Amino acid sequence: MTCRPRALLLACAALAGAVAPIAAAADPGCGDEIACGDLVDCGSAAAAPVPWTLDDCLGLGDSDFFIAGHVQQGLNVNSRNPGNPAAGFGNSPAAGLVYRANDYLLNQLYVSMGNVADTSRDAFDIGYQVDLVYGSDYVFLRSLGLERHRDGTNRWNGDDGSGYGGVQRYGLAMPELAATFAYEETRLTVGHFYNILGHEALIPTENFYYTSNYALFFNGYGESVPITGAFLQTQLDEHWLVGGGFHRGQGKWEDNNNKLNGVGMIEWANTAKNLFLTYTFDVGAEDDAGQNAVFAQCAILEWQISKRWGYVLNSCYGSEENVAAGGATGRWYGIANYLAHSVSDKLVLGIRYDFFDDVDGTRVFPRAGFPALAPGAYHGLTLGANWFMIPNATLRPEVRWDWFSPDGALPPGPFDNGVARSQFMAAVDLLVTF
């Protein structure tokens, strides 16, 4: 489970115990840094009901072993009524994991289990974690050589269906299988785990919105997809957290070109000001020949302005060699702004403006009627809310407007299966943790 500066937008709600995030035993980005609940004082939140956990039900409360998870499901409507082709992606390139238009999706039935490495004492300890997910999101969590064969076809799930790219709509994936070796403020994670890039993640308990920003999918090969490798991190002092490592490639269990990617991060925290700054990067050749180096980076500012207001700025930049017209390097960048207001311990309102510029037309996949090389900027404006109905259940409604600004005269646009330059969506999901 990836960790970035904790989701400050949900600070008050987290104090209320509304969303219980999955334990992060094998988390390459989580040290013992300040938890969300330590950042702000939200009044009556401290006395709010405690969420129910599967650990308590199974009598594991005093055990080092944990088991936790969530169920996420949602509905959406699209003003263009694009329908869904055989490949299933009527809402794309907007919305991310919510790819089927005017449809119901069981996004994730997610179970995480393992043992948390104890760093509360001056002693060496070992933790481990394995995550399994069933649902429509499995298609974004597969790795080459694990859930997929070396030729890209499905190994665990079917290749014929109405899921993303024409595969089985619902399936199974194992995004984490890793061990953590810890001593004091230093952790080494080895195995299969999520990458650390970006603010938004492929686990809904890490996000405010149901739909995703553009950078989650189009910066690098997916900002927080599973990777296989090793990541070492250490907390230098109360302000600085640094880490680095290597992996076999984005979404790779087995390497396709025998070349490793490098990944790194540095985080600065000022808990007195409730301010976090994080920089992460990933670089390596992803193509089978190992000749086209991909570089992706993200810089994140998270600021708890007051006990009721939070702001996040996420910026990304990337490049890939030999993919633009004439064999040139393709470039892209994006900026996402998030502002949220905690109305009460039960309700948080938010707005997100998302901008992604596919400078050379190499990141956003072509659609029917839309050219493969279509440089231009994608915009998304989302208004949403998190309603914490009970400690274990969160309802997340949102409305979203997307539009495309082409660089030059291009045919219609990327939306509505390649015939429109804008679309409006309304969506809602129910997130239940256990």
Protein backbone atom coordinates (compact mmCIF):
# COMPACT_ATOMS: atom_id res chain seq x y z
CA MET A 1 0.00 0.00 0.00
CA THR A 2 1.62 3.20 -1.09
CA CYS A 3 2.00 6.08 1.27
CA ARG A 4 2.41 9.69 0.44
CA PRO A 5 1.94 12.52 2.94
CA ARG A 6 -1.24 11.35 4.63
CA ALA A 7 -4.50 12.51 3.03
CA LEU A 8 -4.85 15.77 4.91
CA LEU A 9 -8.10 16.50 3.11
CA LEU A 10 -9.69 13.86 5.33
CA ALA A 11 -7.96 14.84 8.55
CA CYS A 12 -11.07 15.57 10.59
CA ALA A 13 -12.98 12.66 9.13
CA ALA A 14 -10.10 10.29 9.86
CA LEU A 15 -10.16 11.44 13.47
CA ALA A 16 -13.79 10.50 13.52
CA GLY A 17 -12.75 6.98 12.56
CA ALA A 18 -14.75 7.12 9.35
CA VAL A 19 -12.20 5.50 7.05
CA ALA A 20 -9.89 2.85 8.44
CA PRO A 21 -7.01 2.49 5.94
CA ILE A 22 -5.47 -0.89 5.29
CA ALA A 23 -2.47 -1.64 7.46
CA ALA A 24 0.81 -0.99 5.66
CA ALA A 25 3.25 -3.65 6.72
CA ALA A 26 4.92 -3.87 3.33
CA ASP A 27 4.50 -0.22 2.45
CA PRO A 28 7.65 1.21 0.82
CA GLY A 29 6.53 4.79 1.39
CA CYS A 30 5.30 4.63 4.99
CA GLY A 31 7.57 5.10 7.91
CA ASP A 32 6.49 6.04 11.39
CA GLU A 33 5.87 9.62 10.31
CA ILE A 34 3.09 11.66 11.86
CA ALA A 35 -0.32 10.05 11.44
CA CYS A 36 -3.27 11.99 10.11
CA GLY A 37 -4.98 12.08 13.46
CA ASP A 38 -2.01 13.88 15.04
CA LEU A 39 -2.22 16.88 12.73
CA VAL A 40 -5.33 18.79 13.68
CA ASP A 41 -7.88 19.20 16.44
CA CYS A 42 -11.37 18.60 15.10
CA GLY A 43 -13.39 19.10 18.22
CA SER A 44 -15.84 16.34 18.94
CA ALA A 45 -14.16 13.92 16.53
CA ALA A 46 -12.14 12.36 19.32
CA ALA A 47 -15.33 11.01 20.88
CA ALA A 48 -16.74 9.59 17.65
CA PRO A 49 -17.56 5.87 17.30
CA VAL A 50 -14.68 3.56 16.49
CA PRO A 51 -15.00 1.66 13.18
CA TRP A 52 -15.56 -2.08 13.28
CA THR A 53 -12.60 -4.20 12.14
CA LEU A 54 -12.28 -7.79 11.02
CA ASP A 55 -9.36 -8.13 13.43
CA ASP A 56 -11.71 -7.57 16.36
CA CYS A 57 -14.26 -10.02 14.99
CA LEU A 58 -11.61 -12.72 14.63
CA GLY A 59 -10.06 -11.99 18.01
CA LEU A 60 -6.79 -10.72 16.52
CA GLY A 61 -6.76 -7.39 18.33
CA ASP A 62 -3.76 -8.30 20.50
CA SER A 63 -1.98 -10.28 17.80
CA ASP A 64 0.79 -9.13 15.48
CA PHE A 65 -1.18 -10.60 12.58
CA PHE A 66 -3.76 -8.39 10.87
CA ILE A 67 -6.46 -8.82 8.26
CA ALA A 68 -8.34 -5.85 6.84
CA GLY A 69 -9.87 -4.59 3.63
CA HIS A 70 -12.72 -2.84 1.89
CA VAL A 71 -15.52 -3.20 -0.63
CA GLN A 72 -16.00 -0.45 -3.23
CA GLN A 73 -18.82 -0.24 -5.75
CA GLY A 74 -20.29 2.60 -7.76
CA LEU A 75 -22.52 3.97 -10.52
CA ASN A 76 -22.01 6.69 -13.13
CA VAL A 77 -23.86 8.48 -15.92
CA ASN A 78 -22.29 10.25 -18.91
CA SER A 79 -24.01 13.16 -20.66
CA ARG A 80 -22.75 11.97 -24.06
CA ASN A 81 -24.27 8.53 -23.55
CA PRO A 82 -21.31 7.02 -25.41
CA GLY A 83 -22.13 3.40 -24.77
CA ASN A 84 -19.31 0.94 -24.26
CA PRO A 85 -17.49 -0.68 -27.15
CA ALA A 86 -16.21 -4.24 -26.92
CA ALA A 87 -13.17 -2.87 -25.12
CA GLY A 88 -15.44 -1.43 -22.45
CA PHE A 89 -14.05 2.09 -22.01
CA GLY A 90 -16.90 4.50 -22.76
CA ASN A 91 -15.82 7.16 -20.21
CA SER A 92 -12.14 7.17 -21.19
CA PRO A 93 -9.77 8.91 -21.39
CA ALA A 94 -11.35 10.63 -18.37
CA ALA A 95 -12.36 9.07 -15.04
CA GLY A 96 -9.59 6.46 -14.75
CA LEU A 97 -10.84 3.30 -13.10
CA VAL A 98 -14.48 4.31 -13.69
CA TYR A 99 -14.10 3.44 -17.37
CA ARG A 100 -17.51 1.99 -18.32
CA ALA A 101 -20.12 4.65 -19.11
CA ASN A 102 -23.63 4.56 -17.62
CA ASP A 103 -22.92 1.38 -15.71
CA TYR A 104 -22.48 -0.25 -12.32
CA LEU A 105 -19.01 -1.40 -11.28
CA LEU A 106 -17.91 -3.56 -8.38
CA ASN A 107 -14.51 -1.90 -8.34
CA GLN A 108 -12.79 -3.71 -5.52
CA LEU A 109 -13.27 -6.42 -2.95
CA TYR A 110 -9.88 -5.93 -1.31
CA VAL A 111 -8.31 -8.07 1.42
CA SER A 112 -4.94 -7.35 3.00
CA MET A 113 -3.27 -9.59 5.57
CA GLY A 114 0.10 -9.91 7.20
CA ASN A 115 2.23 -8.80 10.10
CA VAL A 116 3.36 -5.22 10.77
CA ALA A 117 7.05 -4.70 11.43
CA ASP A 118 7.35 -3.19 14.91
CA THR A 119 9.62 -0.12 15.02
CA SER A 120 8.48 1.11 18.41
CA ARG A 121 11.51 -0.36 20.14
CA ASP A 122 15.24 -0.42 19.34
CA ALA A 123 15.20 -3.88 17.81
CA PHE A 124 15.19 -5.59 14.44
CA ASP A 125 11.81 -6.86 13.25
CA ILE A 126 10.29 -8.41 10.13
CA GLY A 127 6.85 -7.78 8.66
CA TYR A 128 5.06 -9.15 5.64
CA GLN A 129 1.93 -8.40 3.66
CA VAL A 130 -0.14 -10.00 0.92
CA ASP A 131 -3.06 -8.24 -0.80
CA LEU A 132 -5.73 -9.80 -3.01
CA VAL A 133 -8.34 -7.86 -4.98
CA TYR A 134 -11.37 -9.00 -6.94
CA GLY A 135 -13.37 -6.60 -9.08
CA SER A 136 -13.25 -4.47 -12.21
CA ASP A 137 -10.07 -2.69 -11.03
CA TYR A 138 -8.06 -5.92 -11.31
CA VAL A 139 -7.18 -5.03 -14.91
CA PHE A 140 -5.06 -2.10 -13.69
CA LEU A 141 -3.33 -4.16 -10.99
CA ARG A 142 -2.03 -7.03 -13.13
CA SER A 143 1.68 -7.67 -13.62
CA LEU A 144 3.56 -9.33 -16.45
CA GLY A 145 4.60 -12.83 -15.43
CA LEU A 146 2.09 -13.03 -12.57
CA GLU A 147 -1.53 -12.36 -13.51
CA ARG A 148 -0.45 -11.99 -17.16
CA HIS A 149 1.64 -14.20 -19.46
CA ARG A 150 4.83 -12.84 -20.96
CA ASP A 151 2.91 -12.04 -24.18
CA GLY A 152 0.49 -9.84 -22.20
CA THR A 153 -2.50 -12.19 -22.25
CA ASN A 154 -4.30 -13.05 -19.03
CA ARG A 155 -3.07 -15.99 -16.96
CA TRP A 156 -5.46 -15.75 -14.02
CA ASN A 157 -8.49 -14.29 -15.78
CA GLY A 158 -10.24 -14.43 -19.14
CA ASP A 159 -9.29 -12.41 -22.23
CA ASP A 160 -12.81 -12.20 -23.68
CA GLY A 161 -15.31 -9.81 -22.14
CA SER A 162 -16.45 -6.24 -21.63
CA GLY A 163 -13.60 -5.18 -19.32
CA TYR A 164 -10.94 -2.60 -20.07
CA GLY A 165 -9.30 -3.50 -23.37
CA GLY A 166 -11.81 -6.30 -24.01
CA VAL A 167 -10.79 -8.62 -21.16
CA GLN A 168 -13.00 -10.26 -18.55
CA ARG A 169 -14.87 -7.49 -16.70
CA TYR A 170 -14.26 -8.87 -13.20
CA GLY A 171 -11.16 -10.70 -12.12
CA LEU A 172 -8.53 -11.40 -9.48
CA ALA A 173 -5.13 -9.75 -8.89
CA MET A 174 -2.43 -9.84 -6.22
CA PRO A 175 -0.89 -6.33 -6.12
CA GLU A 176 1.22 -6.93 -3.00
CA LEU A 177 3.39 -9.81 -1.81
CA ALA A 178 6.29 -8.35 0.14
CA ALA A 179 8.38 -8.48 3.28
CA THR A 180 9.64 -5.53 5.33
CA PHE A 181 12.86 -5.63 7.37
CA ALA A 182 12.90 -2.84 9.93
CA TYR A 183 15.28 -1.45 12.50
CA GLU A 184 14.43 1.77 14.34
CA GLU A 185 13.68 4.37 11.64
CA THR A 186 14.94 2.34 8.66
CA ARG A 187 12.88 -0.06 6.53
CA LEU A 188 13.77 -2.30 3.61
CA THR A 189 10.82 -3.62 1.60
CA VAL A 190 11.46 -6.50 -0.80
CA GLY A 191 8.97 -8.16 -3.13
CA HIS A 192 5.87 -7.01 -4.99
CA PHE A 193 4.34 -3.69 -3.88
CA TYR A 194 2.87 -0.42 -5.15
CA ASN A 195 5.03 2.27 -6.71
CA ILE A 196 5.31 5.54 -4.80
CA LEU A 197 4.63 8.10 -7.55
CA GLY A 198 1.85 10.67 -7.30
CA HIS A 199 -0.84 11.76 -4.90
CA GLU A 200 -3.73 9.57 -6.03
CA ALA A 201 -3.55 5.80 -5.70
CA LEU A 202 -5.18 2.63 -6.96
CA ILE A 203 -6.57 1.97 -3.47
CA PRO A 204 -9.76 4.01 -2.85
CA THR A 205 -9.11 4.51 0.87
CA GLU A 206 -6.15 6.68 -0.18
CA ASN A 207 -8.27 9.00 -2.36
CA PHE A 208 -10.98 11.59 -1.88
CA TYR A 209 -12.74 11.11 -5.24
CA TYR A 210 -14.26 8.10 -6.97
CA THR A 211 -12.88 9.03 -10.41
CA SER A 212 -9.15 9.56 -10.96
CA ASN A 213 -7.00 12.43 -12.19
CA TYR A 214 -5.32 12.08 -15.58
CA ALA A 215 -1.82 11.73 -14.17
CA LEU A 216 -2.68 8.49 -12.36
CA PHE A 217 -2.74 6.68 -15.71
CA PHE A 218 -0.76 8.78 -18.15
CA ASN A 219 2.31 9.83 -16.15
CA GLY A 220 4.86 7.07 -16.68
CA TYR A 221 2.86 3.87 -17.15
CA GLY A 222 0.59 4.47 -14.19
CA GLU A 223 1.66 6.30 -11.06
CA SER A 224 1.03 3.70 -8.40
CA VAL A 225 0.91 0.39 -10.28
CA PRO A 226 2.47 -2.70 -8.68
CA ILE A 227 6.21 -3.17 -9.11
CA THR A 228 8.65 -5.93 -8.09
CA GLY A 229 11.93 -4.99 -6.48
CA ALA A 230 13.37 -3.46 -3.32
CA PHE A 231 12.92 -0.11 -1.59
CA LEU A 232 14.97 1.24 1.34
CA GLN A 233 13.80 4.22 3.35
CA THR A 234 14.89 5.95 6.54
CA GLN A 235 13.57 8.75 8.71
CA LEU A 236 16.56 11.08 9.14
CA ASP A 237 14.91 13.30 11.73
CA GLU A 238 11.53 14.81 12.53
CA HIS A 239 11.52 16.66 9.20
CA TRP A 240 13.21 14.47 6.58
CA LEU A 241 12.29 11.06 5.14
CA VAL A 242 14.34 9.68 2.24
CA GLY A 243 14.18 6.48 0.23
CA GLY A 244 15.32 4.77 -2.92
CA GLY A 245 15.42 1.45 -4.69
CA PHE A 246 14.97 -0.46 -7.91
CA HIS A 247 12.36 -2.60 -9.64
CA ARG A 248 11.77 -4.65 -12.79
CA GLY A 249 9.42 -2.16 -14.47
CA GLN A 250 5.90 -0.82 -14.12
CA GLY A 251 3.45 -3.69 -13.75
CA LYS A 252 6.17 -6.33 -14.00
CA TRP A 253 6.59 -9.49 -11.91
CA GLU A 254 9.07 -10.78 -14.45
CA ASP A 255 11.39 -8.41 -16.32
CA ASN A 256 10.76 -8.10 -20.05
CA ASN A 257 14.15 -6.61 -20.95
CA ASN A 258 16.59 -7.42 -18.10
CA LYS A 259 16.97 -3.73 -17.25
CA LEU A 260 16.04 -2.32 -13.87
CA ASN A 261 14.21 0.91 -13.06
CA GLY A 262 15.44 3.26 -10.36
CA VAL A 263 12.98 4.90 -7.98
CA GLY A 264 13.50 7.47 -5.23
CA MET A 265 11.75 9.85 -2.87
CA ILE A 266 12.42 12.65 -0.43
CA GLU A 267 9.85 14.07 1.96
CA TRP A 268 10.02 17.14 4.18
CA ALA A 269 7.46 17.62 6.94
CA ASN A 270 6.72 20.58 9.19
CA THR A 271 4.16 19.26 11.63
CA ALA A 272 3.93 22.59 13.43
CA LYS A 273 2.61 24.13 10.20
CA ASN A 274 0.80 20.95 9.08
CA LEU A 275 2.83 21.11 5.86
CA PHE A 276 4.31 18.28 3.74
CA LEU A 277 6.47 18.42 0.61
CA THR A 278 7.29 15.23 -1.31
CA TYR A 279 9.29 14.54 -4.45
CA THR A 280 9.31 11.12 -6.13
CA PHE A 281 10.76 9.84 -9.40
CA ASP A 282 10.99 6.69 -11.49
CA VAL A 283 13.33 6.09 -14.44
CA GLY A 284 14.02 3.08 -16.67
CA ALA A 285 13.42 1.44 -20.04
CA GLU A 286 10.03 -0.27 -20.26
CA ASP A 287 9.98 -1.51 -23.87
CA ASP A 288 10.95 -5.08 -24.76
CA ALA A 289 14.17 -3.97 -26.45
CA GLY A 290 15.16 -1.89 -23.43
CA GLN A 291 15.99 1.14 -25.58
CA ASN A 292 13.32 3.73 -24.73
CA ALA A 293 14.03 5.24 -21.32
CA VAL A 294 10.96 6.53 -19.48
CA PHE A 295 11.35 9.24 -16.83
CA ALA A 296 8.47 10.24 -14.54
CA GLN A 297 8.45 12.51 -11.51
CA CYS A 298 5.90 13.97 -9.12
CA ALA A 299 6.09 16.82 -6.62
CA ILE A 300 3.38 17.10 -3.98
CA LEU A 301 2.47 19.86 -1.56
CA GLU A 302 -0.02 19.02 1.20
CA TRP A 303 -1.14 21.72 3.60
CA GLN A 304 -3.69 21.57 6.36
CA ILE A 305 -4.60 25.27 6.22
CA SER A 306 -6.81 25.08 9.30
CA LYS A 307 -8.70 22.43 11.16
CA ARG A 308 -11.48 22.63 8.55
CA TRP A 309 -9.58 23.42 5.33
CA GLY A 310 -7.01 21.36 3.42
CA TYR A 311 -5.14 21.92 0.15
CA VAL A 312 -3.06 19.63 -2.07
CA LEU A 313 -1.03 20.49 -5.18
CA ASN A 314 0.21 17.56 -7.27
CA SER A 315 2.47 18.19 -10.28
CA CYS A 316 4.01 15.62 -12.60
CA TYR A 317 6.34 15.52 -15.58
CA GLY A 318 7.47 12.70 -17.81
CA SER A 319 9.27 11.78 -21.00
CA GLU A 320 9.88 8.70 -23.12
CA GLU A 321 12.51 8.27 -25.81
CA ASN A 322 11.80 7.30 -29.44
CA VAL A 323 7.98 7.42 -29.28
CA ALA A 324 7.03 10.78 -30.84
CA ALA A 325 6.83 11.56 -34.55
CA GLY A 326 10.15 10.96 -36.30
CA GLY A 327 11.56 8.98 -33.36
CA ALA A 328 11.66 12.04 -31.09
CA THR A 329 11.20 12.01 -27.31
CA GLY A 330 7.61 12.28 -26.13
CA ARG A 331 6.90 14.66 -23.24
CA TRP A 332 3.96 15.32 -20.94
CA TYR A 333 3.14 17.13 -17.72
CA GLY A 334 0.19 17.68 -15.43
CA ILE A 335 -1.02 19.67 -12.43
CA ALA A 336 -3.87 18.79 -10.08
CA ASN A 337 -5.24 21.10 -7.38
CA TYR A 338 -7.38 19.86 -4.50
CA LEU A 339 -9.23 22.01 -1.98
CA ALA A 340 -11.47 20.52 0.70
CA HIS A 341 -13.60 21.83 3.54
CA SER A 342 -14.65 19.70 6.49
CA VAL A 343 -18.22 20.84 7.16
CA SER A 344 -18.55 18.45 10.09
CA ASP A 345 -17.21 15.15 11.34
CA LYS A 346 -19.65 13.49 8.91
CA LEU A 347 -19.25 15.59 5.76
CA VAL A 348 -16.27 16.86 3.74
CA LEU A 349 -16.72 18.85 0.51
CA GLY A 350 -14.02 19.10 -2.15
CA ILE A 351 -13.11 20.54 -5.53
CA ARG A 352 -10.39 19.28 -7.89
CA TYR A 353 -9.03 20.91 -11.02
CA ASP A 354 -6.90 18.57 -13.10
CA PHE A 355 -4.76 19.62 -16.08
CA PHE A 356 -2.73 17.20 -18.20
CA ASP A 357 -0.82 18.23 -21.33
CA ASP A 358 0.08 15.41 -23.72
CA VAL A 359 2.64 17.62 -25.45
CA ASP A 360 3.62 15.22 -28.22
CA GLY A 361 0.48 13.07 -28.32
CA THR A 362 2.14 9.93 -26.97
CA ARG A 363 0.45 9.23 -23.63
CA VAL A 364 -3.32 9.20 -24.13
CA PHE A 365 -4.21 6.19 -26.23
CA PRO A 366 -5.96 6.81 -29.58
CA ARG A 367 -9.71 6.35 -29.94
CA ALA A 368 -11.85 5.57 -32.96
CA GLY A 369 -11.86 8.71 -35.09
CA PHE A 370 -9.06 10.27 -33.04
CA PRO A 371 -5.46 10.20 -34.33
CA ALA A 372 -2.74 8.27 -32.53
CA LEU A 373 -0.62 11.40 -32.29
CA ALA A 374 -2.99 14.05 -30.97
CA PRO A 375 -1.10 16.64 -28.93
CA GLY A 376 -3.24 18.68 -26.59
CA ALA A 377 -4.32 19.47 -23.05
CA TYR A 378 -6.92 17.59 -21.03
CA HIS A 379 -8.88 19.40 -18.30
CA GLY A 380 -11.06 17.98 -15.55
CA LEU A 381 -13.10 19.90 -12.98
CA THR A 382 -14.63 17.75 -10.23
CA LEU A 383 -16.94 18.69 -7.36
CA GLY A 384 -17.34 15.99 -4.75
CA ALA A 385 -18.22 15.08 -1.20
CA ASN A 386 -17.38 12.40 1.33
CA TRP A 387 -20.31 11.55 3.60
CA PHE A 388 -19.28 9.32 6.48
CA MET A 389 -22.65 7.69 7.11
CA ILE A 390 -21.35 5.29 9.76
CA PRO A 391 -17.77 4.63 10.92
CA ASN A 392 -17.24 1.88 8.31
CA ALA A 393 -19.18 3.30 5.35
CA THR A 394 -18.47 6.35 3.18
CA LEU A 395 -20.64 7.60 0.32
CA ARG A 396 -18.71 9.65 -2.28
CA PRO A 397 -20.88 11.48 -4.84
CA GLU A 398 -19.31 13.73 -7.48
CA VAL A 399 -19.96 15.62 -10.70
CA ARG A 400 -17.21 16.05 -13.28
CA TRP A 401 -16.69 18.15 -16.44
CA ASP A 402 -13.90 17.20 -18.85
CA TRP A 403 -12.75 19.04 -21.97
CA PHE A 404 -9.89 18.83 -24.46
CA SER A 405 -7.85 21.70 -25.95
CA PRO A 406 -6.03 20.45 -29.07
CA ASP A 407 -2.71 21.78 -30.30
CA GLY A 408 -3.71 22.66 -33.85
CA ALA A 409 -6.60 21.56 -36.06
CA LEU A 410 -7.55 17.99 -35.21
CA PRO A 411 -10.66 15.88 -35.85
CA PRO A 412 -13.48 15.89 -33.33
CA GLY A 413 -12.01 14.87 -29.98
CA PRO A 414 -11.16 12.07 -27.56
CA PHE A 415 -14.52 11.73 -25.76
CA ASP A 416 -17.71 9.88 -26.74
CA ASN A 417 -15.63 7.23 -28.49
CA GLY A 418 -13.66 9.77 -30.49
CA VAL A 419 -16.30 12.30 -31.61
CA ALA A 420 -16.46 14.96 -28.85
CA ARG A 421 -14.13 17.39 -27.12
CA SER A 422 -16.03 17.50 -23.81
CA GLN A 423 -18.24 15.42 -21.57
CA PHE A 424 -20.11 15.70 -18.28
CA MET A 425 -20.30 12.90 -15.73
CA ALA A 426 -22.06 12.23 -12.45
CA ALA A 427 -20.84 9.35 -10.30
CA VAL A 428 -21.15 7.94 -6.80
CA ASP A 429 -19.51 5.07 -4.97
CA LEU A 430 -19.98 3.37 -1.62
CA LEU A 431 -16.81 2.45 0.25
CA VAL A 432 -17.14 0.02 3.15
CA THR A 433 -14.07 -0.85 5.22
CA PHE A 434 -13.56 -3.84 7.49
